[in-house]
C-alpha atoms as a PDB file:
ATOM      1  CA  MET A   1      -0.331   0.104  -0.411  1.00  0.00           C
ATOM      2  CA  ARG A   2       1.053   3.718  -0.187  1.00  0.00           C
ATOM      3  CA  SER A   3      -0.291   7.291   0.568  1.00  0.00           C
ATOM      4  CA  ARG A   4      -2.113   9.619  -1.952  1.00  0.00           C
ATOM      5  CA  ALA A   5      -5.064  11.791  -1.477  1.00  0.00           C
ATOM      6  CA  TRP A   6      -8.578  11.071  -2.798  1.00  0.00           C
ATOM      7  CA  GLY A   7     -12.479  12.142  -2.033  1.00  0.00           C
ATOM      8  CA  ALA A   8     -15.621  10.465  -2.188  1.00  0.00           C
ATOM      9  CA  ALA A   9     -19.250  10.888  -1.412  1.00  0.00           C
ATOM     10  CA  ALA A  10     -21.094   9.383   1.397  1.00  0.00           C
ATOM     11  CA  LEU A  11     -24.387   7.612   1.714  1.00  0.00           C
ATOM     12  CA  LEU A  12     -25.744   5.967   5.078  1.00  0.00           C
ATOM     13  CA  ALA A  13     -25.709   2.111   5.922  1.00  0.00           C
ATOM     14  CA  ALA A  14     -27.238   0.251   8.467  1.00  0.00           C
ATOM     15  CA  CYS A  15     -25.832  -2.893   9.846  1.00  0.00           C
ATOM     16  CA  ALA A  16     -26.391  -4.894  13.070  1.00  0.00           C
ATOM     17  CA  ALA A  17     -23.821  -6.192  15.658  1.00  0.00           C
ATOM     18  CA  GLY A  18     -23.247  -6.914  19.218  1.00  0.00           C
ATOM     19  CA  GLY A  19     -23.390  -9.884  21.552  1.00  0.00           C
ATOM     20  CA  SER A  20     -20.965 -12.291  22.945  1.00  0.00           C
ATOM     21  CA  GLY A  21     -19.181 -15.786  22.425  1.00  0.00           C
ATOM     22  CA  THR A  22     -16.112 -18.005  22.071  1.00  0.00           C
ATOM     23  CA  PRO A  23     -13.297 -15.227  22.806  1.00  0.00           C
ATOM     24  CA  PHE A  24     -10.669 -14.373  20.158  1.00  0.00           C
ATOM     25  CA  ASP A  25      -7.126 -16.144  20.641  1.00  0.00           C
ATOM     26  CA  GLY A  26      -4.781 -13.595  20.508  1.00  0.00           C
ATOM     27  CA  GLU A  27      -1.959 -16.534  21.024  1.00  0.00           C
ATOM     28  CA  ALA A  28      -3.004 -18.424  18.352  1.00  0.00           C
ATOM     29  CA  ALA A  29      -3.160 -16.000  15.950  1.00  0.00           C
ATOM     30  CA  LEU A  30       0.222 -15.043  16.831  1.00  0.00           C
ATOM     31  CA  GLY A  31       1.384 -18.448  15.887  1.00  0.00           C
ATOM     32  CA  TYR A  32      -0.576 -18.281  12.522  1.00  0.00           C
ATOM     33  CA  VAL A  33       1.812 -15.250  11.666  1.00  0.00           C
ATOM     34  CA  ARG A  34       5.081 -17.409  12.706  1.00  0.00           C
ATOM     35  CA  THR A  35       3.088 -20.691  10.288  1.00  0.00           C
ATOM     36  CA  GLN A  36       2.815 -18.346   7.472  1.00  0.00           C
ATOM     37  CA  VAL A  37       6.296 -16.638   7.856  1.00  0.00           C
ATOM     38  CA  ALA A  38       7.973 -20.321   7.924  1.00  0.00           C
ATOM     39  CA  PHE A  39       6.786 -20.937   4.676  1.00  0.00           C
ATOM     40  CA  GLY A  40       8.872 -17.967   3.460  1.00  0.00           C
ATOM     41  CA  PRO A  41       8.472 -15.115   1.033  1.00  0.00           C
ATOM     42  CA  ARG A  42       4.446 -15.528  -0.445  1.00  0.00           C
ATOM     43  CA  ILE A  43       5.544 -13.970  -3.799  1.00  0.00           C
ATOM     44  CA  PRO A  44       3.460 -15.245  -6.589  1.00  0.00           C
ATOM     45  CA  ASN A  45       4.810 -17.926  -8.555  1.00  0.00           C
ATOM     46  CA  THR A  46       7.133 -19.121  -5.754  1.00  0.00           C
ATOM     47  CA  ASP A  47       6.526 -22.308  -3.533  1.00  0.00           C
ATOM     48  CA  GLY A  48       6.281 -20.696  -0.687  1.00  0.00           C
ATOM     49  CA  HIS A  49       3.177 -18.979  -1.773  1.00  0.00           C
ATOM     50  CA  ARG A  50       1.580 -21.860  -3.312  1.00  0.00           C
ATOM     51  CA  ARG A  51       2.104 -23.864   0.043  1.00  0.00           C
ATOM     52  CA  ALA A  52       0.948 -20.628   2.135  1.00  0.00           C
ATOM     53  CA  GLY A  53      -2.140 -20.768  -0.089  1.00  0.00           C
ATOM     54  CA  ASP A  54      -3.071 -24.310   0.365  1.00  0.00           C
ATOM     55  CA  TRP A  55      -2.726 -23.802   4.055  1.00  0.00           C
ATOM     56  CA  ILE A  56      -5.273 -21.160   3.898  1.00  0.00           C
ATOM     57  CA  GLN A  57      -7.457 -23.105   2.299  1.00  0.00           C
ATOM     58  CA  ALA A  58      -7.014 -26.069   4.706  1.00  0.00           C
ATOM     59  CA  GLN A  59      -7.466 -23.735   7.797  1.00  0.00           C
ATOM     60  CA  LEU A  60     -11.099 -22.207   5.759  1.00  0.00           C
ATOM     61  CA  GLU A  61     -12.253 -25.536   5.022  1.00  0.00           C
ATOM     62  CA  ARG A  62     -12.185 -26.511   9.120  1.00  0.00           C
ATOM     63  CA  SER A  63     -13.938 -23.595  10.243  1.00  0.00           C
ATOM     64  CA  ALA A  64     -15.908 -22.335   7.628  1.00  0.00           C
ATOM     65  CA  ASP A  65     -19.443 -23.431   6.292  1.00  0.00           C
ATOM     66  CA  LEU A  66     -18.720 -22.774   2.422  1.00  0.00           C
ATOM     67  CA  VAL A  67     -14.891 -22.124   1.125  1.00  0.00           C
ATOM     68  CA  GLU A  68     -14.918 -20.600  -2.437  1.00  0.00           C
ATOM     69  CA  VAL A  69     -11.272 -20.156  -4.122  1.00  0.00           C
ATOM     70  CA  GLN A  70     -11.148 -17.490  -7.034  1.00  0.00           C
ATOM     71  CA  ALA A  71      -8.203 -18.801  -9.105  1.00  0.00           C
ATOM     72  CA  PHE A  72      -6.729 -16.155 -11.955  1.00  0.00           C
ATOM     73  CA  THR A  73      -3.502 -14.821 -13.500  1.00  0.00           C
ATOM     74  CA  HIS A  74      -2.467 -11.320 -14.096  1.00  0.00           C
ATOM     75  CA  VAL A  75      -0.090 -10.664 -16.955  1.00  0.00           C
ATOM     76  CA  THR A  76       2.494  -7.910 -15.511  1.00  0.00           C
ATOM     77  CA  ALA A  77       3.815  -4.784 -16.908  1.00  0.00           C
ATOM     78  CA  ALA A  78       7.405  -6.567 -17.764  1.00  0.00           C
ATOM     79  CA  GLY A  79       4.898  -9.774 -19.241  1.00  0.00           C
ATOM     80  CA  ASP A  80       5.106 -12.209 -16.595  1.00  0.00           C
ATOM     81  CA  THR A  81       2.274 -14.129 -16.187  1.00  0.00           C
ATOM     82  CA  LEU A  82       0.905 -14.799 -12.315  1.00  0.00           C
ATOM     83  CA  GLN A  83      -0.791 -17.361 -10.935  1.00  0.00           C
ATOM     84  CA  LEU A  84      -2.853 -16.271  -7.987  1.00  0.00           C
ATOM     85  CA  ARG A  85      -5.763 -17.434  -5.858  1.00  0.00           C
ATOM     86  CA  ASN A  86      -8.369 -15.538  -3.327  1.00  0.00           C
ATOM     87  CA  PHE A  87      -9.969 -17.347  -1.022  1.00  0.00           C
ATOM     88  CA  ILE A  88     -13.576 -16.546   0.659  1.00  0.00           C
ATOM     89  CA  GLY A  89     -14.678 -18.196   3.655  1.00  0.00           C
ATOM     90  CA  ARG A  90     -18.741 -18.091   4.135  1.00  0.00           C
ATOM     91  CA  PHE A  91     -20.207 -18.331   7.470  1.00  0.00           C
ATOM     92  CA  ARG A  92     -24.153 -18.639   7.521  1.00  0.00           C
ATOM     93  CA  PRO A  93     -24.086 -18.556   3.247  1.00  0.00           C
ATOM     94  CA  ASP A  94     -27.700 -18.203   2.970  1.00  0.00           C
ATOM     95  CA  VAL A  95     -28.360 -15.069   4.999  1.00  0.00           C
ATOM     96  CA  THR A  96     -28.890 -11.934   2.710  1.00  0.00           C
ATOM     97  CA  GLU A  97     -27.089  -9.322   5.140  1.00  0.00           C
ATOM     98  CA  ARG A  98     -23.642  -9.585   4.761  1.00  0.00           C
ATOM     99  CA  VAL A  99     -20.232  -8.272   6.507  1.00  0.00           C
ATOM    100  CA  LEU A 100     -17.062  -8.646   4.318  1.00  0.00           C
ATOM    101  CA  LEU A 101     -13.923  -8.701   6.268  1.00  0.00           C
ATOM    102  CA  LEU A 102     -10.354  -9.040   4.266  1.00  0.00           C
ATOM    103  CA  ALA A 103      -6.584  -9.012   4.080  1.00  0.00           C
ATOM    104  CA  HIS A 104      -3.759  -9.615   1.460  1.00  0.00           C
ATOM    105  CA  TRP A 105      -2.218 -13.011   1.943  1.00  0.00           C
ATOM    106  CA  ASP A 106       1.176 -11.953  -0.336  1.00  0.00           C
ATOM    107  CA  THR A 107       4.271 -10.779   0.571  1.00  0.00           C
ATOM    108  CA  ARG A 108       6.303  -7.970  -1.482  1.00  0.00           C
ATOM    109  CA  PRO A 109       9.245  -9.541  -3.534  1.00  0.00           C
ATOM    110  CA  ARG A 110      11.522  -6.443  -2.816  1.00  0.00           C
ATOM    111  CA  ALA A 111      12.158  -4.739   0.743  1.00  0.00           C
ATOM    112  CA  ASP A 112      12.481  -1.395  -1.411  1.00  0.00           C
ATOM    113  CA  GLN A 113      12.585   0.390   1.863  1.00  0.00           C
ATOM    114  CA  SER A 114      15.493  -1.244   3.327  1.00  0.00           C
ATOM    115  CA  PRO A 115      18.388   1.542   4.332  1.00  0.00           C
ATOM    116  CA  ASN A 116      21.014  -1.276   3.106  1.00  0.00           C
ATOM    117  CA  LEU A 117      20.726  -1.271  -0.873  1.00  0.00           C
ATOM    118  CA  GLY A 118      21.630  -5.028  -0.836  1.00  0.00           C
ATOM    119  CA  ASP A 119      18.410  -5.883   1.025  1.00  0.00           C
ATOM    120  CA  GLN A 120      16.448  -3.783  -1.218  1.00  0.00           C
ATOM    121  CA  GLN A 121      16.627  -6.884  -3.497  1.00  0.00           C
ATOM    122  CA  ARG A 122      15.625  -9.280  -1.082  1.00  0.00           C
ATOM    123  CA  PRO A 123      12.136  -9.866  -0.178  1.00  0.00           C
ATOM    124  CA  VAL A 124       9.742  -8.801   2.675  1.00  0.00           C
ATOM    125  CA  PRO A 125       9.022 -11.618   5.110  1.00  0.00           C
ATOM    126  CA  GLY A 126       5.738  -9.827   5.956  1.00  0.00           C
ATOM    127  CA  ALA A 127       4.942 -11.037   9.158  1.00  0.00           C
ATOM    128  CA  ASN A 128       3.124  -7.581   9.795  1.00  0.00           C
ATOM    129  CA  ASP A 129       2.351  -6.583   6.091  1.00  0.00           C
ATOM    130  CA  GLY A 130       0.816  -9.678   5.325  1.00  0.00           C
ATOM    131  CA  ALA A 131       0.455 -12.418   7.656  1.00  0.00           C
ATOM    132  CA  SER A 132      -1.094 -10.287  10.747  1.00  0.00           C
ATOM    133  CA  GLY A 133      -4.109  -9.617   8.757  1.00  0.00           C
ATOM    134  CA  VAL A 134      -4.523 -13.112   7.827  1.00  0.00           C
ATOM    135  CA  ALA A 135      -3.795 -14.061  11.051  1.00  0.00           C
ATOM    136  CA  VAL A 136      -6.658 -12.120  12.190  1.00  0.00           C
ATOM    137  CA  LEU A 137      -9.131 -13.588   9.921  1.00  0.00           C
ATOM    138  CA  LEU A 138      -8.298 -17.315  10.762  1.00  0.00           C
ATOM    139  CA  GLY A 139      -8.860 -16.309  14.683  1.00  0.00           C
ATOM    140  CA  VAL A 140     -12.051 -14.643  13.668  1.00  0.00           C
ATOM    141  CA  ALA A 141     -12.827 -17.913  11.345  1.00  0.00           C
ATOM    142  CA  ASP A 142     -11.754 -20.109  14.501  1.00  0.00           C
ATOM    143  CA  VAL A 143     -14.135 -17.810  16.559  1.00  0.00           C
ATOM    144  CA  LEU A 144     -17.484 -18.209  14.386  1.00  0.00           C
ATOM    145  CA  ALA A 145     -16.684 -21.806  13.910  1.00  0.00           C
ATOM    146  CA  GLY A 146     -17.962 -22.408  17.572  1.00  0.00           C
ATOM    147  CA  THR A 147     -20.019 -19.213  17.925  1.00  0.00           C
ATOM    148  CA  PRO A 148     -21.897 -18.547  14.586  1.00  0.00           C
ATOM    149  CA  PRO A 149     -22.640 -14.636  13.680  1.00  0.00           C
ATOM    150  CA  SER A 150     -25.399 -12.739  14.184  1.00  0.00           C
ATOM    151  CA  VAL A 151     -25.376 -11.765  10.098  1.00  0.00           C
ATOM    152  CA  GLY A 152     -23.929 -13.573   7.026  1.00  0.00           C
ATOM    153  CA  VAL A 153     -20.066 -12.876   7.478  1.00  0.00           C
ATOM    154  CA  ASP A 154     -17.556 -13.356   4.213  1.00  0.00           C
ATOM    155  CA  LEU A 155     -13.507 -13.344   5.135  1.00  0.00           C
ATOM    156  CA  LEU A 156     -11.796 -12.764   2.212  1.00  0.00           C
ATOM    157  CA  PHE A 157      -8.159 -13.402   1.784  1.00  0.00           C
ATOM    158  CA  VAL A 158      -6.575 -11.565  -1.507  1.00  0.00           C
ATOM    159  CA  ASP A 159      -3.527 -12.276  -3.430  1.00  0.00           C
ATOM    160  CA  GLY A 160      -1.339 -10.087  -4.964  1.00  0.00           C
ATOM    161  CA  GLU A 161      -1.719  -6.864  -3.300  1.00  0.00           C
ATOM    162  CA  ASP A 162       1.652  -5.897  -3.193  1.00  0.00           C
ATOM    163  CA  TYR A 163       3.865  -7.229  -6.397  1.00  0.00           C
ATOM    164  CA  GLY A 164       4.630  -4.298  -8.254  1.00  0.00           C
ATOM    165  CA  ARG A 165       4.660  -0.343  -7.974  1.00  0.00           C
ATOM    166  CA  PHE A 166       1.814   1.269  -6.325  1.00  0.00           C
ATOM    167  CA  SER A 167       2.333   4.334  -8.558  1.00  0.00           C
ATOM    168  CA  GLY A 168       1.483   3.909 -12.487  1.00  0.00           C
ATOM    169  CA  VAL A 169       3.153   6.070 -15.242  1.00  0.00           C
ATOM    170  CA  ASP A 170      -0.018   8.237 -15.909  1.00  0.00           C
ATOM    171  CA  GLY A 171      -0.055   9.098 -12.182  1.00  0.00           C
ATOM    172  CA  GLY A 172      -2.775   6.439 -11.198  1.00  0.00           C
ATOM    173  CA  ILE A 173      -2.484   3.140  -9.742  1.00  0.00           C
ATOM    174  CA  GLY A 174       0.103   0.846 -10.438  1.00  0.00           C
ATOM    175  CA  PRO A 175      -1.196  -2.016 -12.640  1.00  0.00           C
ATOM    176  CA  ASP A 176       0.419  -4.649 -10.535  1.00  0.00           C
ATOM    177  CA  VAL A 177      -0.860  -4.141  -6.954  1.00  0.00           C
ATOM    178  CA  LEU A 178      -4.174  -4.574  -5.730  1.00  0.00           C
ATOM    179  CA  LEU A 179      -4.989  -7.581  -7.923  1.00  0.00           C
ATOM    180  CA  GLY A 180      -6.432  -9.686  -5.835  1.00  0.00           C
ATOM    181  CA  SER A 181      -9.187  -7.431  -4.302  1.00  0.00           C
ATOM    182  CA  ARG A 182      -9.744  -5.725  -8.034  1.00  0.00           C
ATOM    183  CA  HIS A 183     -10.571  -9.219  -9.333  1.00  0.00           C
ATOM    184  CA  PHE A 184     -12.770  -9.690  -6.545  1.00  0.00           C
ATOM    185  CA  ALA A 185     -14.525  -6.519  -7.344  1.00  0.00           C
ATOM    186  CA  ALA A 186     -14.467  -6.908 -11.117  1.00  0.00           C
ATOM    187  CA  THR A 187     -16.640 -10.503 -10.484  1.00  0.00           C
ATOM    188  CA  LEU A 188     -18.806  -9.730  -7.752  1.00  0.00           C
ATOM    189  CA  ALA A 189     -22.436  -9.946  -8.399  1.00  0.00           C
ATOM    190  CA  ASP A 190     -24.679  -7.213  -7.638  1.00  0.00           C
ATOM    191  CA  GLY A 191     -26.811  -9.467  -5.490  1.00  0.00           C
ATOM    192  CA  ARG A 192     -23.556 -10.265  -3.479  1.00  0.00           C
ATOM    193  CA  VAL A 193     -22.680  -6.900  -2.426  1.00  0.00           C
ATOM    194  CA  PRO A 194     -22.054  -6.507   1.589  1.00  0.00           C
ATOM    195  CA  MET A 195     -23.485  -4.288   3.886  1.00  0.00           C
ATOM    196  CA  TYR A 196     -19.786  -3.290   4.257  1.00  0.00           C
ATOM    197  CA  ALA A 197     -16.321  -4.252   4.313  1.00  0.00           C
ATOM    198  CA  VAL A 198     -13.775  -3.877   6.798  1.00  0.00           C
ATOM    199  CA  LEU A 199      -9.702  -4.430   5.514  1.00  0.00           C
ATOM    200  CA  PHE A 200      -6.865  -5.249   8.153  1.00  0.00           C
ATOM    201  CA  ASP A 201      -3.519  -4.744   7.219  1.00  0.00           C
ATOM    202  CA  MET A 202      -0.599  -4.372   9.000  1.00  0.00           C
ATOM    203  CA  VAL A 203      -2.342  -4.644  11.989  1.00  0.00           C
ATOM    204  CA  GLY A 204       0.016  -6.968  14.661  1.00  0.00           C
ATOM    205  CA  ASP A 205       2.510  -4.037  15.230  1.00  0.00           C
ATOM    206  CA  ALA A 206       3.557  -4.234  19.247  1.00  0.00           C
ATOM    207  CA  ASP A 207       2.991  -0.494  19.270  1.00  0.00           C
ATOM    208  CA  LEU A 208      -0.087  -0.481  17.943  1.00  0.00           C
ATOM    209  CA  ARG A 209      -1.733   2.855  17.581  1.00  0.00           C
ATOM    210  CA  ILE A 210      -4.427   2.444  14.450  1.00  0.00           C
ATOM    211  CA  TYR A 211      -5.785   6.065  13.202  1.00  0.00           C
ATOM    212  CA  GLN A 212      -8.542   6.517  10.744  1.00  0.00           C
ATOM    213  CA  GLU A 213      -7.404   6.826   6.861  1.00  0.00           C
ATOM    214  CA  GLY A 214      -8.514   9.450   4.492  1.00  0.00           C
ATOM    215  CA  TYR A 215     -10.562   7.269   2.028  1.00  0.00           C
ATOM    216  CA  SER A 216     -12.075   5.496   4.438  1.00  0.00           C
ATOM    217  CA  VAL A 217     -13.520   8.705   6.332  1.00  0.00           C
ATOM    218  CA  SER A 218     -14.591  10.202   2.828  1.00  0.00           C
ATOM    219  CA  GLY A 219     -15.741   7.124   1.084  1.00  0.00           C
ATOM    220  CA  ALA A 220     -17.513   5.252   4.291  1.00  0.00           C
ATOM    221  CA  PRO A 221     -17.718   7.821   7.282  1.00  0.00           C
ATOM    222  CA  GLU A 222     -20.622   5.459   9.134  1.00  0.00           C
ATOM    223  CA  VAL A 223     -18.245   1.986   8.740  1.00  0.00           C
ATOM    224  CA  VAL A 224     -15.541   4.130  10.260  1.00  0.00           C
ATOM    225  CA  THR A 225     -17.959   5.261  13.065  1.00  0.00           C
ATOM    226  CA  ARG A 226     -18.875   2.048  13.810  1.00  0.00           C
ATOM    227  CA  VAL A 227     -15.756   0.015  13.529  1.00  0.00           C
ATOM    228  CA  TRP A 228     -14.175   3.190  15.965  1.00  0.00           C
ATOM    229  CA  GLY A 229     -17.042   2.729  18.380  1.00  0.00           C
ATOM    230  CA  ALA A 230     -16.873  -0.888  19.030  1.00  0.00           C
ATOM    231  CA  ALA A 231     -13.249  -0.594  19.641  1.00  0.00           C
ATOM    232  CA  ARG A 232     -14.421   2.114  22.161  1.00  0.00           C
ATOM    233  CA  ASP A 233     -16.976  -0.050  23.602  1.00  0.00           C
ATOM    234  CA  LEU A 234     -14.304  -2.673  24.451  1.00  0.00           C
ATOM    235  CA  GLY A 235     -11.898  -0.528  26.209  1.00  0.00           C
ATOM    236  CA  TYR A 236      -9.600  -0.170  23.309  1.00  0.00           C
ATOM    237  CA  GLU A 237      -9.629   3.882  22.584  1.00  0.00           C
ATOM    238  CA  ASP A 238      -6.007   3.838  23.437  1.00  0.00           C
ATOM    239  CA  VAL A 239      -5.416   2.445  19.960  1.00  0.00           C
ATOM    240  CA  PHE A 240      -7.808   3.419  17.993  1.00  0.00           C
ATOM    241  CA  GLN A 241      -7.199   6.807  17.494  1.00  0.00           C
ATOM    242  CA  PRO A 242     -10.152   8.638  16.066  1.00  0.00           C
ATOM    243  CA  THR A 243      -8.650  11.304  13.943  1.00  0.00           C
ATOM    244  CA  VAL A 244      -7.415  11.107  10.179  1.00  0.00           C
ATOM    245  CA  ARG A 245      -3.201  10.417   9.841  1.00  0.00           C
ATOM    246  CA  TYR A 246      -2.978   9.292   6.510  1.00  0.00           C
ATOM    247  CA  THR A 247      -4.475   8.215   3.034  1.00  0.00           C
ATOM    248  CA  ILE A 248      -3.423   4.997   1.960  1.00  0.00           C
ATOM    249  CA  THR A 249      -4.013   3.145  -1.620  1.00  0.00           C
ATOM    250  CA  ASP A 250      -4.843  -0.356   0.034  1.00  0.00           C
ATOM    251  CA  ASP A 251      -7.034  -2.874  -1.125  1.00  0.00           C
ATOM    252  CA  HIS A 252     -10.521  -1.193  -0.095  1.00  0.00           C
ATOM    253  CA  ILE A 253      -9.981   1.372  -2.994  1.00  0.00           C
ATOM    254  CA  PRO A 254     -11.453  -1.427  -5.534  1.00  0.00           C
ATOM    255  CA  LEU A 255     -14.118  -2.230  -3.206  1.00  0.00           C
ATOM    256  CA  LEU A 256     -14.766   1.394  -2.625  1.00  0.00           C
ATOM    257  CA  ASP A 257     -15.133   2.156  -6.610  1.00  0.00           C
ATOM    258  CA  ARG A 258     -17.289  -0.975  -7.052  1.00  0.00           C
ATOM    259  CA  GLY A 259     -19.708   0.921  -4.854  1.00  0.00           C
ATOM    260  CA  ILE A 260     -19.046  -1.561  -1.540  1.00  0.00           C
ATOM    261  CA  ARG A 261     -19.077   0.568   1.857  1.00  0.00           C
ATOM    262  CA  ALA A 262     -15.327  -0.288   2.314  1.00  0.00           C
ATOM    263  CA  ILE A 263     -12.570   0.911   4.975  1.00  0.00           C
ATOM    264  CA  ASP A 264      -8.914   0.422   5.946  1.00  0.00           C
ATOM    265  CA  VAL A 265      -8.016  -0.921   9.320  1.00  0.00           C
ATOM    266  CA  ILE A 266      -4.069  -0.315   9.308  1.00  0.00           C
ATOM    267  CA  ASP A 267      -1.322   1.167  11.370  1.00  0.00           C
ATOM    268  CA  TYR A 268       0.973   2.860   8.663  1.00  0.00           C
ATOM    269  CA  ASP A 269       3.248   3.912  11.054  1.00  0.00           C
ATOM    270  CA  TYR A 270       5.630   0.867  11.246  1.00  0.00           C
ATOM    271  CA  PRO A 271       9.365   1.554  10.537  1.00  0.00           C
ATOM    272  CA  PRO A 272      10.063  -1.773   9.349  1.00  0.00           C
ATOM    273  CA  TRP A 273       7.475  -1.551   6.686  1.00  0.00           C
ATOM    274  CA  HIS A 274       8.630  -2.677   2.817  1.00  0.00           C
ATOM    275  CA  THR A 275      12.153  -4.053   4.945  1.00  0.00           C
ATOM    276  CA  VAL A 276      13.847  -7.142   5.426  1.00  0.00           C
ATOM    277  CA  GLU A 277      13.295  -6.745   9.352  1.00  0.00           C
ATOM    278  CA  ASP A 278       9.273  -7.087   8.683  1.00  0.00           C
ATOM    279  CA  THR A 279       9.638 -10.337  11.036  1.00  0.00           C
ATOM    280  CA  PRO A 280       7.465 -12.120  13.672  1.00  0.00           C
ATOM    281  CA  ASP A 281       9.061 -10.760  16.558  1.00  0.00           C
ATOM    282  CA  LYS A 282       7.590  -7.420  15.517  1.00  0.00           C
ATOM    283  CA  VAL A 283       3.995  -8.559  16.095  1.00  0.00           C
ATOM    284  CA  THR A 284       2.470  -9.518  19.473  1.00  0.00           C
ATOM    285  CA  ALA A 285      -0.300 -11.461  20.547  1.00  0.00           C
ATOM    286  CA  ARG A 286      -1.674  -8.875  22.680  1.00  0.00           C
ATOM    287  CA  SER A 287      -1.971  -6.331  19.112  1.00  0.00           C
ATOM    288  CA  LEU A 288      -3.506  -9.310  17.232  1.00  0.00           C
ATOM    289  CA  LYS A 289      -6.220  -9.911  20.263  1.00  0.00           C
ATOM    290  CA  ILE A 290      -6.896  -6.468  20.298  1.00  0.00           C
ATOM    291  CA  VAL A 291      -7.738  -5.981  16.624  1.00  0.00           C
ATOM    292  CA  GLY A 292      -9.551  -9.597  16.767  1.00  0.00           C
ATOM    293  CA  ASP A 293     -11.423  -8.415  19.254  1.00  0.00           C
ATOM    294  CA  VAL A 294     -12.793  -5.400  17.302  1.00  0.00           C
ATOM    295  CA  ALA A 295     -13.354  -7.583  14.434  1.00  0.00           C
ATOM    296  CA  VAL A 296     -15.735 -10.084  16.364  1.00  0.00           C
ATOM    297  CA  ALA A 297     -17.423  -7.266  17.505  1.00  0.00           C
ATOM    298  CA  LEU A 298     -18.665  -6.264  14.412  1.00  0.00           C
ATOM    299  CA  VAL A 299     -20.509  -9.399  13.368  1.00  0.00           C
ATOM    300  CA  ARG A 300     -22.144 -10.391  16.966  1.00  0.00           C
END
């Protein structure tokens, strides 16, 4: 993801949440982070990417009521063909009113923000940028397997978010990023548009502070209010700061463009971002639990 400026009109949306049940397990989520990093870099067309994707699918098949795999290809600006997969775990698939939670599961091929020039040619381990969002969704899946949600819930794991440059030659978004969310948005039937969507990205930082994101506030302010309200009700107002600090190009943008009320929950103040230092020791079970608790509250 990268920062840029943009604006959008807002419409009101009504959704239901609340209740209690199986708790979110932060330690288990941290284990999910470590497992993903142990596969190696999850770069499209690599063995680590293939094995991590198979593992995500297997985890969903243990917990979700229905699992869908969106397999697709993308030809990059350099002419390479990427083999990509989105995974969707559906809970209560028969329910019309649905909430979408998503995260990207791939990792960046090159650590372009590393201060060492040699390290810039190495891949990003992706413990926080990639694995943390996946871990939160898998932890939510574990909760929902034990305590069904009050609404229909779709957990979307998107591929190819971080492959290329975020800036295109024309000043827009580059052609080789946000690939999974673009594919999902382009193929989503009108009758399956969720009430709202929440993206979780870089949410495991030990020094967790989540500010509101600019596109989210302008494009889906009522969803921002709902999420930050849930955090406040849980006593996490010190982590979920109710002010806008940055504007990020991320996987919520294709969803907003599709007309979905989507927001980005992200801690962008993360020094190891896009470096070789994005390793599991930077992620904590406490941070994952805070975000996981908020995610669960949205569907209770």
